[in-house]
Amino acid sequence: MKRLDSHTLGIEQGELVLFSDFQAGGDMWTGKGDRIVRRRVEFSEAFRKAPSVLVNLSMWDTDHATNTRMDLRADDITERGFDVVFQTWGDTRVARIRVGWTAMGMLHEDDDWELY
């Protein structure tokens, strides 16, 4: 568990369309090729240490005739940002995905200093 000082707690949220493959006939919709998407998100301000990051689907548009499978996660979390990673497999056909995210962690303070 991370302990957070309440006066230095920072929370940043956002949302992004991860991909929209339906109209362009992309890999997620055709079910061929690389079935993983990785997109970097940069924070507006660096945290003191890597924050806790939650990702969620805010829109999920799939083909009704196939199975719906997915793996959604935050990866490579640093003080400055993280990667949103979406993956599917098998016969799943995904038209588009929109992802929401929330990062929570300690912020830098004016009184912060390091000896070395």
C-alpha atoms as a PDB file:
ATOM      1  CA  MET A   1       0.000   0.000   0.000  1.00  0.00           C
ATOM      2  CA  LYS A   2       1.235   3.502  -0.799  1.00  0.00           C
ATOM      3  CA  ARG A   3       0.987   6.095   1.964  1.00  0.00           C
ATOM      4  CA  LEU A   4       0.175   9.572   0.715  1.00  0.00           C
ATOM      5  CA  ASP A   5       0.548  12.872   2.507  1.00  0.00           C
ATOM      6  CA  SER A   6      -2.818  14.571   2.039  1.00  0.00           C
ATOM      7  CA  HIS A   7      -1.318  18.009   1.315  1.00  0.00           C
ATOM      8  CA  THR A   8       0.824  16.612  -1.501  1.00  0.00           C
ATOM      9  CA  LEU A   9      -1.757  14.340  -3.127  1.00  0.00           C
ATOM     10  CA  GLY A  10      -2.164  14.930  -6.856  1.00  0.00           C
ATOM     11  CA  ILE A  11      -4.923  13.479  -8.999  1.00  0.00           C
ATOM     12  CA  GLU A  12      -5.008  13.799 -12.772  1.00  0.00           C
ATOM     13  CA  GLN A  13      -7.630  12.316 -15.081  1.00  0.00           C
ATOM     14  CA  GLY A  14      -8.072  12.019 -18.800  1.00  0.00           C
ATOM     15  CA  GLU A  15      -9.691  10.161 -21.623  1.00  0.00           C
ATOM     16  CA  LEU A  16      -8.511   9.165 -25.095  1.00  0.00           C
ATOM     17  CA  VAL A  17      -9.751   7.286 -28.126  1.00  0.00           C
ATOM     18  CA  LEU A  18      -7.246   4.470 -28.270  1.00  0.00           C
ATOM     19  CA  PHE A  19      -8.177   3.461 -31.817  1.00  0.00           C
ATOM     20  CA  SER A  20     -11.037   3.533 -34.297  1.00  0.00           C
ATOM     21  CA  ASP A  21     -10.496   0.694 -36.792  1.00  0.00           C
ATOM     22  CA  PHE A  22     -14.005   0.205 -38.184  1.00  0.00           C
ATOM     23  CA  GLN A  23     -14.019   2.733 -41.053  1.00  0.00           C
ATOM     24  CA  ALA A  24     -10.341   2.307 -41.949  1.00  0.00           C
ATOM     25  CA  GLY A  25     -10.441  -1.510 -41.864  1.00  0.00           C
ATOM     26  CA  GLY A  26      -7.687  -1.682 -39.242  1.00  0.00           C
ATOM     27  CA  ASP A  27      -6.262  -4.806 -37.601  1.00  0.00           C
ATOM     28  CA  MET A  28      -8.583  -4.735 -34.584  1.00  0.00           C
ATOM     29  CA  TRP A  29     -11.661  -4.760 -36.840  1.00  0.00           C
ATOM     30  CA  THR A  30     -10.438  -7.227 -39.463  1.00  0.00           C
ATOM     31  CA  GLY A  31      -9.043  -9.607 -36.828  1.00  0.00           C
ATOM     32  CA  LYS A  32      -5.695  -9.839 -38.585  1.00  0.00           C
ATOM     33  CA  GLY A  33      -2.227  -8.545 -37.827  1.00  0.00           C
ATOM     34  CA  ASP A  34      -1.000  -7.134 -34.542  1.00  0.00           C
ATOM     35  CA  ARG A  35      -3.866  -7.216 -32.029  1.00  0.00           C
ATOM     36  CA  ILE A  36      -2.226  -5.000 -29.420  1.00  0.00           C
ATOM     37  CA  VAL A  37      -2.228  -1.199 -29.133  1.00  0.00           C
ATOM     38  CA  ARG A  38       0.098   0.752 -26.850  1.00  0.00           C
ATOM     39  CA  ARG A  39      -0.298   4.532 -26.401  1.00  0.00           C
ATOM     40  CA  ARG A  40       1.817   6.792 -24.177  1.00  0.00           C
ATOM     41  CA  VAL A  41       0.073   9.268 -21.848  1.00  0.00           C
ATOM     42  CA  GLU A  42       2.130  12.158 -20.426  1.00  0.00           C
ATOM     43  CA  PHE A  43       1.058  13.901 -17.213  1.00  0.00           C
ATOM     44  CA  SER A  44       0.679  17.688 -17.194  1.00  0.00           C
ATOM     45  CA  GLU A  45       3.120  17.800 -14.269  1.00  0.00           C
ATOM     46  CA  ALA A  46       5.531  15.184 -12.934  1.00  0.00           C
ATOM     47  CA  PHE A  47       4.659  13.328  -9.739  1.00  0.00           C
ATOM     48  CA  ARG A  48       7.303  12.903  -7.027  1.00  0.00           C
ATOM     49  CA  LYS A  49       7.251   9.116  -7.524  1.00  0.00           C
ATOM     50  CA  ALA A  50       5.406   6.864  -9.952  1.00  0.00           C
ATOM     51  CA  PRO A  51       1.688   7.272  -9.122  1.00  0.00           C
ATOM     52  CA  SER A  52      -1.037   4.669  -8.909  1.00  0.00           C
ATOM     53  CA  VAL A  53      -2.845   4.562 -12.262  1.00  0.00           C
ATOM     54  CA  LEU A  54      -6.305   3.175 -12.973  1.00  0.00           C
ATOM     55  CA  VAL A  55      -7.545   2.620 -16.525  1.00  0.00           C
ATOM     56  CA  ASN A  56     -11.117   1.868 -17.581  1.00  0.00           C
ATOM     57  CA  LEU A  57     -13.152   1.460 -20.736  1.00  0.00           C
ATOM     58  CA  SER A  58     -15.430   4.415 -21.384  1.00  0.00           C
ATOM     59  CA  MET A  59     -16.534   3.128 -24.817  1.00  0.00           C
ATOM     60  CA  TRP A  60     -16.335  -0.424 -26.168  1.00  0.00           C
ATOM     61  CA  ASP A  61     -17.654  -1.023 -29.704  1.00  0.00           C
ATOM     62  CA  THR A  62     -17.388  -4.640 -30.902  1.00  0.00           C
ATOM     63  CA  ASP A  63     -18.879  -6.955 -33.485  1.00  0.00           C
ATOM     64  CA  HIS A  64     -21.921  -8.726 -32.008  1.00  0.00           C
ATOM     65  CA  ALA A  65     -21.233 -11.919 -33.986  1.00  0.00           C
ATOM     66  CA  THR A  66     -17.882 -12.699 -32.323  1.00  0.00           C
ATOM     67  CA  ASN A  67     -16.633 -13.298 -28.806  1.00  0.00           C
ATOM     68  CA  THR A  68     -15.587 -10.225 -26.825  1.00  0.00           C
ATOM     69  CA  ARG A  69     -12.144 -10.620 -25.287  1.00  0.00           C
ATOM     70  CA  MET A  70      -9.815  -7.952 -24.004  1.00  0.00           C
ATOM     71  CA  ASP A  71      -6.950  -7.095 -21.738  1.00  0.00           C
ATOM     72  CA  LEU A  72      -6.648  -3.427 -20.704  1.00  0.00           C
ATOM     73  CA  ARG A  73      -3.854  -2.221 -18.438  1.00  0.00           C
ATOM     74  CA  ALA A  74      -1.499   0.595 -17.463  1.00  0.00           C
ATOM     75  CA  ASP A  75       2.145  -0.285 -18.125  1.00  0.00           C
ATOM     76  CA  ASP A  76       5.554   1.381 -17.777  1.00  0.00           C
ATOM     77  CA  ILE A  77       4.301   3.841 -15.137  1.00  0.00           C
ATOM     78  CA  THR A  78       6.779   6.612 -14.313  1.00  0.00           C
ATOM     79  CA  GLU A  79       6.645  10.006 -12.618  1.00  0.00           C
ATOM     80  CA  ARG A  80       5.976  11.616 -16.011  1.00  0.00           C
ATOM     81  CA  GLY A  81       3.509   9.236 -17.671  1.00  0.00           C
ATOM     82  CA  PHE A  82       2.425   5.700 -18.517  1.00  0.00           C
ATOM     83  CA  ASP A  83       1.371   3.453 -21.414  1.00  0.00           C
ATOM     84  CA  VAL A  84      -2.221   2.383 -21.971  1.00  0.00           C
ATOM     85  CA  VAL A  85      -2.153  -1.145 -23.401  1.00  0.00           C
ATOM     86  CA  PHE A  86      -5.148  -2.821 -25.029  1.00  0.00           C
ATOM     87  CA  GLN A  87      -4.991  -6.350 -26.424  1.00  0.00           C
ATOM     88  CA  THR A  88      -7.461  -8.796 -27.903  1.00  0.00           C
ATOM     89  CA  TRP A  89      -7.196 -12.243 -29.503  1.00  0.00           C
ATOM     90  CA  GLY A  90      -9.115 -15.016 -31.231  1.00  0.00           C
ATOM     91  CA  ASP A  91     -12.084 -14.041 -33.405  1.00  0.00           C
ATOM     92  CA  THR A  92     -12.841 -10.821 -31.480  1.00  0.00           C
ATOM     93  CA  ARG A  93     -13.470  -7.832 -33.738  1.00  0.00           C
ATOM     94  CA  VAL A  94     -13.208  -4.395 -32.137  1.00  0.00           C
ATOM     95  CA  ALA A  95     -14.391  -1.298 -33.993  1.00  0.00           C
ATOM     96  CA  ARG A  96     -13.203   1.324 -31.498  1.00  0.00           C
ATOM     97  CA  ILE A  97     -12.144   1.831 -27.906  1.00  0.00           C
ATOM     98  CA  ARG A  98     -12.167   4.912 -25.678  1.00  0.00           C
ATOM     99  CA  VAL A  99     -10.223   4.688 -22.406  1.00  0.00           C
ATOM    100  CA  GLY A 100     -10.475   6.766 -19.245  1.00  0.00           C
ATOM    101  CA  TRP A 101      -7.622   7.007 -16.763  1.00  0.00           C
ATOM    102  CA  THR A 102      -6.876   8.385 -13.304  1.00  0.00           C
ATOM    103  CA  ALA A 103      -3.427   8.871 -11.779  1.00  0.00           C
ATOM    104  CA  MET A 104      -3.003   9.482  -8.024  1.00  0.00           C
ATOM    105  CA  GLY A 105       0.252  10.137  -6.234  1.00  0.00           C
ATOM    106  CA  MET A 106       2.500  12.485  -4.326  1.00  0.00           C
ATOM    107  CA  LEU A 107       3.429  15.805  -5.892  1.00  0.00           C
ATOM    108  CA  HIS A 108       6.572  17.862  -5.552  1.00  0.00           C
ATOM    109  CA  GLU A 109       6.504  20.707  -3.036  1.00  0.00           C
ATOM    110  CA  ASP A 110       8.376  23.999  -3.028  1.00  0.00           C
ATOM    111  CA  ASP A 111      10.216  22.814   0.101  1.00  0.00           C
ATOM    112  CA  ASP A 112      11.469  19.571  -1.509  1.00  0.00           C
ATOM    113  CA  TRP A 113      15.214  19.213  -1.812  1.00  0.00           C
ATOM    114  CA  GLU A 114      17.702  16.408  -2.202  1.00  0.00           C
ATOM    115  CA  LEU A 115      21.239  16.232  -0.832  1.00  0.00           C
ATOM    116  CA  TYR A 116      22.582  13.915  -3.523  1.00  0.00           C
END
